[in-house]
Amino acid sequence: MSDQNTIFPSPPIGGGRGVKAGIIGGAGYTGGELLRILINHPSVEIAFIHSNSNAGNYIYEVHTDLFGETELKFTGEYNFNIDVLFLCVGHGDARKFLDANPFPASVKIIDLSQDFRHTEKSSISYEATQNSQPATRNFIYGLPELNRDAIKKASNIANPGCFATCLQLGLLPLAAKGILNNEVHITATTGSTGAGQSLAPTSHFTWRNDNLSVYKAFDHQHLKEIRQSLTQLQNNFDQDINFIPYRGDFTRGIIASMYLNSDLTEEEAVNLYTEYYAGHPFTHVSTRNIDLKQIVNTNKCFIQVQKKGNKLFIISIMDNLLKGASGQAVQNMNLLFGLDEKSGLNLKAVAF
């Protein structure tokens, strides 16, 4: 930061292109996706894209698909003269960054890590410093299909996890009706970008290609936020969520299949899901078979509901980097600032 002893007042919304945004951690997958959206967002001006490892480099030197789209550069500096700050950093690093850099309350925070998703960790307190008063930031869980009204009134958003978003959208209508009364069985496969940009043995092409593997069976970290949301809607929910995640041999997208015992007919289930998501512009219930190419590169989630004997069978699909991360973060930003919820997010699926 160029001057840690200076706090700049945030300008009013409406000057220039509107919302003035800063990004911390702009060189990774989520930072790249966020940039792709924001450079074309009609109501956003990008103030800075921070990256310690790429300071001074053009954005397109890292995110090569942005060549010809922008002449912005990464910077090792940042300031407080913004309206919203996106934290695209690793788990644990967001809280550390805010501890070291207490941005003024006028700056809204959207955190894409898991640091503030859980109720007992959804706030951070600051001691008084030379330039600030003691303050506490409280984070709202940023799943619009669950907390849209609260998001609109919030100042700080904990963006949900990718698996968590996909699975919750497959189960929320049942919890909202209070009929999630049986254990749930889930199998879900995610693309390689879900593991982030850091290299690991399971992210190399030679291992991932033509391969499939299970990981974190029954104890994936996103289960905690999933259960938290389900009990928010149905406080007596105490059933097992049996979740088996798979690493897929494709780049992006999540496909999840879920089933549980249910007395609903297929028609009742389809109507229940359709009514719950009416008015939510990115989540759609289909009566036809769905596949990943319909949603990759979009902020959409498609859901299909079927009845097989006494089992309710639910398929949920979405792009892990967009609806599961950066697209949802922009959706939350739009709600925070009273913008059209779909602004900047009318993205075309790859389709074929």
Protein backbone atom coordinates (compact mmCIF):
# COMPACT_ATOMS: atom_id res chain seq x y z
CA MET A 1 0.00 0.00 0.00
CA SER A 2 1.38 3.39 -0.92
CA ASP A 3 0.39 5.23 2.26
CA GLN A 4 -0.97 3.22 5.17
CA ASN A 5 -1.62 6.34 7.21
CA THR A 6 -4.07 7.86 4.76
CA ILE A 7 -7.70 6.81 4.44
CA PHE A 8 -9.46 8.27 1.44
CA PRO A 9 -13.21 8.89 1.65
CA SER A 10 -15.28 6.72 -0.66
CA PRO A 11 -16.86 8.72 -3.51
CA PRO A 12 -20.65 8.72 -3.91
CA ILE A 13 -22.15 6.13 -6.23
CA GLY A 14 -22.90 7.62 -9.63
CA GLY A 15 -19.59 9.34 -10.35
CA GLY A 16 -17.74 8.05 -13.40
CA ARG A 17 -19.02 4.58 -14.31
CA GLY A 18 -20.70 4.09 -10.93
CA VAL A 19 -19.34 1.55 -8.45
CA LYS A 20 -15.60 1.85 -7.89
CA ALA A 21 -14.13 -1.61 -7.28
CA GLY A 22 -10.82 -2.98 -6.05
CA ILE A 23 -9.64 -6.58 -6.29
CA ILE A 24 -7.16 -8.31 -4.01
CA GLY A 25 -5.72 -11.49 -5.53
CA GLY A 26 -6.47 -10.74 -9.17
CA ALA A 27 -4.09 -13.28 -10.75
CA GLY A 28 -5.94 -16.49 -9.84
CA TYR A 29 -8.92 -18.19 -11.44
CA THR A 30 -11.59 -16.32 -9.46
CA GLY A 31 -9.76 -13.01 -9.93
CA GLY A 32 -9.56 -13.62 -13.67
CA GLU A 33 -13.26 -14.46 -13.95
CA LEU A 34 -14.13 -11.39 -11.90
CA LEU A 35 -12.09 -9.19 -14.24
CA ARG A 36 -13.77 -10.67 -17.32
CA ILE A 37 -17.13 -9.63 -15.91
CA LEU A 38 -16.23 -6.25 -14.41
CA ILE A 39 -14.36 -4.78 -17.39
CA ASN A 40 -17.64 -5.08 -19.31
CA HIS A 41 -19.98 -4.19 -16.45
CA PRO A 42 -21.91 -1.01 -17.33
CA SER A 43 -21.87 0.35 -13.76
CA VAL A 44 -18.36 -0.49 -12.54
CA GLU A 45 -15.00 1.24 -12.65
CA ILE A 46 -12.02 -0.94 -11.68
CA ALA A 47 -9.79 1.10 -9.38
CA PHE A 48 -7.02 -1.48 -8.89
CA ILE A 49 -6.18 -5.17 -9.32
CA HIS A 50 -3.73 -6.14 -6.63
CA SER A 51 -1.20 -8.94 -7.03
CA ASN A 52 2.14 -9.12 -5.25
CA SER A 53 3.59 -11.63 -7.70
CA ASN A 54 2.47 -9.82 -10.88
CA ALA A 55 2.74 -6.14 -9.92
CA GLY A 56 3.51 -4.08 -13.01
CA ASN A 57 2.42 -6.75 -15.49
CA TYR A 58 -0.45 -6.22 -17.87
CA ILE A 59 -3.59 -8.15 -16.95
CA TYR A 60 -3.55 -9.91 -20.32
CA GLU A 61 -0.05 -11.26 -19.64
CA VAL A 62 -1.61 -13.48 -16.97
CA HIS A 63 -5.21 -13.78 -18.19
CA THR A 64 -4.30 -14.16 -21.84
CA ASP A 65 -7.90 -14.23 -23.08
CA LEU A 66 -8.15 -10.55 -22.06
CA PHE A 67 -5.58 -9.50 -24.67
CA GLY A 68 -7.26 -6.73 -26.67
CA GLU A 69 -9.87 -6.19 -23.94
CA THR A 70 -7.98 -4.04 -21.45
CA GLU A 71 -4.69 -2.22 -20.85
CA LEU A 72 -5.03 -2.42 -17.06
CA LYS A 73 -2.02 -3.59 -15.06
CA PHE A 74 -1.64 -5.44 -11.78
CA THR A 75 -0.38 -3.35 -8.91
CA GLY A 76 1.31 -4.06 -5.60
CA GLU A 77 -0.48 -1.07 -4.08
CA TYR A 78 -4.05 -0.35 -3.07
CA ASN A 79 -6.03 2.43 -1.43
CA PHE A 80 -9.32 3.02 0.33
CA ASN A 81 -10.83 5.23 -2.37
CA ILE A 82 -13.29 2.57 -3.53
CA ASP A 83 -16.88 1.48 -2.94
CA VAL A 84 -16.38 -2.29 -2.90
CA LEU A 85 -13.43 -4.62 -2.32
CA PHE A 86 -13.37 -8.17 -3.69
CA LEU A 87 -11.12 -10.59 -1.83
CA CYS A 88 -10.02 -13.36 -4.23
CA VAL A 89 -7.46 -14.86 -1.89
CA GLY A 90 -6.93 -18.25 -0.28
CA HIS A 91 -8.83 -19.58 2.69
CA GLY A 92 -7.48 -17.97 5.85
CA ASP A 93 -5.84 -15.11 3.94
CA ALA A 94 -8.95 -12.90 3.72
CA ARG A 95 -9.26 -12.55 7.48
CA LYS A 96 -5.52 -11.92 7.77
CA PHE A 97 -5.70 -9.24 5.08
CA LEU A 98 -8.58 -7.41 6.77
CA ASP A 99 -6.87 -7.71 10.16
CA ALA A 100 -3.83 -5.93 8.70
CA ASN A 101 -5.82 -3.46 6.57
CA PRO A 102 -8.95 -2.16 8.33
CA PHE A 103 -10.81 -0.58 5.42
CA PRO A 104 -13.32 2.10 6.44
CA ALA A 105 -16.94 1.04 6.95
CA SER A 106 -17.93 2.89 3.78
CA VAL A 107 -16.14 0.22 1.73
CA LYS A 108 -18.25 -2.89 1.22
CA ILE A 109 -16.41 -6.22 1.29
CA ILE A 110 -17.19 -9.32 -0.80
CA ASP A 111 -15.03 -12.24 0.31
CA LEU A 112 -14.73 -15.26 -1.97
CA SER A 113 -12.88 -17.38 0.60
CA GLN A 114 -14.52 -19.45 3.32
CA ASP A 115 -13.28 -17.20 6.14
CA PHE A 116 -16.65 -15.62 7.03
CA ARG A 117 -19.20 -18.17 5.77
CA HIS A 118 -19.91 -19.87 9.07
CA THR A 119 -22.07 -18.15 11.66
CA GLU A 120 -19.51 -18.32 14.46
CA LYS A 121 -16.86 -16.74 12.20
CA SER A 122 -19.01 -14.24 10.32
CA SER A 123 -17.58 -11.08 11.88
CA ILE A 124 -14.26 -9.35 12.39
CA SER A 125 -13.50 -6.58 14.89
CA TYR A 126 -11.01 -3.74 14.62
CA GLU A 127 -9.34 -1.83 17.40
CA ALA A 128 -9.16 1.94 17.16
CA THR A 129 -6.17 3.16 15.14
CA GLN A 130 -4.86 6.57 14.26
CA ASN A 131 -7.31 6.80 11.36
CA SER A 132 -10.28 4.69 12.40
CA GLN A 133 -12.72 4.02 15.20
CA PRO A 134 -13.31 0.62 16.83
CA ALA A 135 -15.62 -1.31 14.53
CA THR A 136 -17.04 -4.74 13.76
CA ARG A 137 -17.74 -6.03 10.28
CA ASN A 138 -20.57 -8.54 10.08
CA PHE A 139 -20.79 -10.75 7.00
CA ILE A 140 -24.03 -11.98 5.43
CA TYR A 141 -23.96 -15.35 3.69
CA GLY A 142 -24.24 -14.40 0.03
CA LEU A 143 -26.57 -16.95 -1.53
CA PRO A 144 -29.20 -14.73 -3.21
CA GLU A 145 -31.73 -17.57 -3.53
CA LEU A 146 -31.62 -17.82 0.27
CA ASN A 147 -30.73 -14.36 1.61
CA ARG A 148 -31.55 -11.85 -1.15
CA ASP A 149 -33.33 -9.35 1.15
CA ALA A 150 -30.55 -9.50 3.75
CA ILE A 151 -27.90 -9.07 1.05
CA LYS A 152 -29.58 -5.89 -0.19
CA LYS A 153 -29.23 -4.36 3.29
CA ALA A 154 -25.75 -5.70 4.02
CA SER A 155 -22.31 -4.13 3.90
CA ASN A 156 -20.22 -7.29 3.83
CA ILE A 157 -20.79 -10.56 1.98
CA ALA A 158 -19.35 -14.03 2.52
CA ASN A 159 -19.61 -15.55 -0.96
CA PRO A 160 -20.65 -19.23 -0.83
CA GLY A 161 -18.48 -22.13 -1.90
CA CYS A 162 -18.95 -23.73 -5.33
CA PHE A 163 -20.11 -27.20 -4.24
CA ALA A 164 -22.14 -25.54 -1.48
CA THR A 165 -24.00 -23.35 -3.96
CA CYS A 166 -24.79 -26.21 -6.33
CA LEU A 167 -26.00 -28.56 -3.60
CA GLN A 168 -27.98 -25.96 -1.67
CA LEU A 169 -29.86 -24.88 -4.77
CA GLY A 170 -30.85 -28.51 -5.21
CA LEU A 171 -32.25 -28.77 -1.66
CA LEU A 172 -33.46 -25.33 -0.52
CA PRO A 173 -37.07 -25.66 -1.78
CA LEU A 174 -37.56 -28.81 0.31
CA ALA A 175 -36.16 -27.17 3.44
CA ALA A 176 -38.25 -24.03 2.87
CA LYS A 177 -41.36 -26.24 2.86
CA GLY A 178 -40.17 -28.09 5.98
CA ILE A 179 -40.18 -31.48 4.24
CA LEU A 180 -36.46 -32.30 4.20
CA ASN A 181 -37.08 -35.18 6.59
CA ASN A 182 -34.85 -37.95 5.27
CA GLU A 183 -31.14 -38.42 4.84
CA VAL A 184 -29.77 -37.10 1.56
CA HIS A 185 -27.41 -38.98 -0.77
CA ILE A 186 -25.27 -36.84 -3.09
CA THR A 187 -22.70 -37.55 -5.78
CA ALA A 188 -21.11 -34.52 -7.44
CA THR A 189 -18.26 -34.02 -9.89
CA THR A 190 -16.33 -30.78 -10.35
CA GLY A 191 -13.89 -29.52 -12.96
CA SER A 192 -10.19 -29.03 -12.32
CA THR A 193 -10.50 -25.25 -11.81
CA GLY A 194 -12.32 -26.00 -8.56
CA ALA A 195 -8.93 -26.84 -7.04
CA GLY A 196 -7.55 -23.37 -7.75
CA GLN A 197 -4.48 -22.35 -9.70
CA SER A 198 -1.78 -23.69 -7.39
CA LEU A 199 -0.17 -26.85 -8.72
CA ALA A 200 -0.79 -30.14 -6.95
CA PRO A 201 -0.32 -33.77 -7.98
CA THR A 202 -4.07 -34.08 -8.70
CA SER A 203 -4.23 -30.92 -10.84
CA HIS A 204 -1.59 -31.81 -13.45
CA PHE A 205 -2.98 -32.61 -16.91
CA THR A 206 -1.21 -35.96 -17.07
CA TRP A 207 -3.00 -37.10 -13.89
CA ARG A 208 -6.36 -35.43 -14.41
CA ASN A 209 -6.90 -36.33 -18.07
CA ASP A 210 -8.84 -39.56 -18.66
CA ASN A 211 -9.13 -39.97 -14.91
CA LEU A 212 -11.71 -39.79 -12.13
CA SER A 213 -11.26 -39.91 -8.36
CA VAL A 214 -13.15 -39.46 -5.11
CA TYR A 215 -11.92 -37.02 -2.48
CA LYS A 216 -13.09 -35.88 0.97
CA ALA A 217 -15.93 -38.40 0.98
CA PHE A 218 -18.51 -37.64 3.71
CA ASP A 219 -16.45 -34.80 5.22
CA HIS A 220 -16.08 -32.10 2.55
CA GLN A 221 -15.63 -28.64 4.09
CA HIS A 222 -18.70 -27.24 2.30
CA LEU A 223 -21.03 -29.53 4.25
CA LYS A 224 -20.96 -27.14 7.18
CA GLU A 225 -22.32 -24.17 5.25
CA ILE A 226 -24.85 -26.40 3.47
CA ARG A 227 -26.26 -27.61 6.77
CA GLN A 228 -26.21 -24.07 8.13
CA SER A 229 -28.43 -22.86 5.28
CA LEU A 230 -30.80 -25.81 5.40
CA THR A 231 -31.39 -25.36 9.13
CA GLN A 232 -31.93 -21.64 8.54
CA LEU A 233 -35.03 -22.65 6.56
CA GLN A 234 -35.95 -25.81 8.47
CA ASN A 235 -34.61 -25.55 12.00
CA ASN A 236 -35.40 -29.17 12.87
CA PHE A 237 -33.33 -30.60 10.02
CA ASP A 238 -31.00 -33.18 11.57
CA GLN A 239 -30.61 -35.78 8.85
CA ASP A 240 -27.33 -37.07 7.39
CA ILE A 241 -26.00 -35.49 4.21
CA ASN A 242 -23.99 -38.24 2.51
CA PHE A 243 -21.80 -36.35 0.06
CA ILE A 244 -19.32 -38.05 -2.28
CA PRO A 245 -17.32 -35.47 -4.32
CA TYR A 246 -15.44 -36.45 -7.48
CA ARG A 247 -12.62 -34.78 -9.37
CA GLY A 248 -13.63 -34.67 -13.02
CA ASP A 249 -11.41 -34.77 -16.11
CA PHE A 250 -12.81 -31.49 -17.46
CA THR A 251 -11.95 -27.87 -16.75
CA ARG A 252 -15.05 -26.25 -15.32
CA GLY A 253 -18.55 -26.98 -14.16
CA ILE A 254 -20.26 -29.02 -11.43
CA ILE A 255 -22.88 -31.71 -11.89
CA ALA A 256 -24.56 -33.01 -8.74
CA SER A 257 -27.12 -35.78 -8.39
CA MET A 258 -29.09 -36.04 -5.15
CA TYR A 259 -31.80 -38.38 -3.93
CA LEU A 260 -33.87 -38.92 -0.82
CA ASN A 261 -37.12 -40.60 0.18
CA SER A 262 -40.11 -38.32 -0.41
CA ASP A 263 -43.90 -38.48 -0.49
CA LEU A 264 -44.07 -35.78 -3.17
CA THR A 265 -45.23 -36.71 -6.63
CA GLU A 266 -43.05 -35.58 -9.52
CA GLU A 267 -45.58 -32.92 -10.46
CA GLU A 268 -45.71 -31.61 -6.90
CA ALA A 269 -41.91 -31.51 -6.72
CA VAL A 270 -41.53 -29.67 -10.02
CA ASN A 271 -44.16 -27.14 -8.96
CA LEU A 272 -42.48 -26.67 -5.58
CA TYR A 273 -39.08 -25.97 -7.16
CA THR A 274 -40.51 -23.76 -9.88
CA GLU A 275 -42.41 -21.64 -7.36
CA TYR A 276 -39.41 -21.32 -5.04
CA TYR A 277 -37.13 -20.04 -7.80
CA ALA A 278 -39.70 -17.79 -9.47
CA GLY A 279 -38.16 -14.31 -9.48
CA HIS A 280 -34.62 -15.62 -9.10
CA PRO A 281 -33.10 -14.82 -12.50
CA PHE A 282 -30.25 -17.33 -12.57
CA THR A 283 -31.79 -20.55 -11.21
CA HIS A 284 -34.11 -22.44 -13.55
CA VAL A 285 -36.03 -25.70 -13.24
CA SER A 286 -36.04 -27.88 -16.36
CA THR A 287 -38.30 -30.80 -17.24
CA ARG A 288 -35.75 -32.01 -19.80
CA ASN A 289 -32.39 -33.66 -19.33
CA ILE A 290 -29.69 -31.12 -18.47
CA ASP A 291 -25.95 -31.10 -19.16
CA LEU A 292 -22.91 -28.99 -18.28
CA LYS A 293 -22.49 -27.29 -21.66
CA GLN A 294 -25.79 -25.52 -21.06
CA ILE A 295 -24.39 -23.60 -18.10
CA VAL A 296 -20.59 -23.43 -18.47
CA ASN A 297 -19.49 -19.79 -18.86
CA THR A 298 -22.74 -18.50 -17.31
CA ASN A 299 -24.02 -17.50 -13.88
CA LYS A 300 -26.93 -19.94 -14.20
CA CYS A 301 -27.89 -23.01 -12.22
CA PHE A 302 -30.19 -25.55 -13.90
CA ILE A 303 -32.16 -28.03 -11.82
CA GLN A 304 -34.07 -31.13 -12.89
CA VAL A 305 -36.41 -32.97 -10.52
CA GLN A 306 -37.74 -36.50 -11.08
CA LYS A 307 -39.53 -39.15 -9.04
CA LYS A 308 -38.17 -42.69 -9.13
CA GLY A 309 -40.30 -45.00 -6.99
CA ASN A 310 -40.28 -43.47 -3.51
CA LYS A 311 -37.10 -41.51 -4.28
CA LEU A 312 -37.00 -37.85 -5.24
CA PHE A 313 -34.10 -37.48 -7.67
CA ILE A 314 -32.57 -34.02 -8.17
CA ILE A 315 -29.87 -32.95 -10.61
CA SER A 316 -28.17 -29.56 -10.17
CA ILE A 317 -25.60 -28.11 -12.59
CA MET A 318 -23.62 -24.85 -12.66
CA ASP A 319 -20.26 -23.30 -13.50
CA ASN A 320 -18.01 -23.53 -10.44
CA LEU A 321 -16.10 -20.33 -11.32
CA LEU A 322 -19.15 -18.19 -12.08
CA LYS A 323 -22.31 -19.11 -10.15
CA GLY A 324 -19.96 -20.93 -7.79
CA ALA A 325 -17.63 -17.96 -7.26
CA SER A 326 -17.04 -14.77 -9.27
CA GLY A 327 -20.38 -14.51 -11.06
CA GLN A 328 -22.24 -14.88 -7.78
CA ALA A 329 -19.91 -12.27 -6.24
CA VAL A 330 -20.96 -9.79 -8.95
CA GLN A 331 -24.60 -10.78 -8.47
CA ASN A 332 -24.15 -9.93 -4.78
CA MET A 333 -22.47 -6.63 -5.67
CA ASN A 334 -25.43 -5.73 -7.87
CA LEU A 335 -27.81 -6.38 -4.99
CA LEU A 336 -25.65 -4.43 -2.52
CA PHE A 337 -25.68 -1.31 -4.70
CA GLY A 338 -29.27 -1.48 -5.93
CA LEU A 339 -28.29 -2.38 -9.50
CA ASP A 340 -30.13 -4.75 -11.81
CA GLU A 341 -29.33 -8.20 -10.39
CA LYS A 342 -28.36 -9.48 -13.86
CA SER A 343 -26.17 -6.51 -14.75
CA GLY A 344 -22.91 -7.64 -16.36
CA LEU A 345 -23.99 -11.28 -16.12
CA ASN A 346 -25.80 -11.89 -19.39
CA LEU A 347 -23.18 -14.43 -20.43
CA LYS A 348 -23.42 -16.98 -23.23
CA ALA A 349 -23.02 -20.67 -22.51
CA VAL A 350 -20.46 -22.63 -24.54
CA ALA A 351 -23.36 -24.82 -25.82
CA PHE A 352 -21.16 -26.98 -28.08
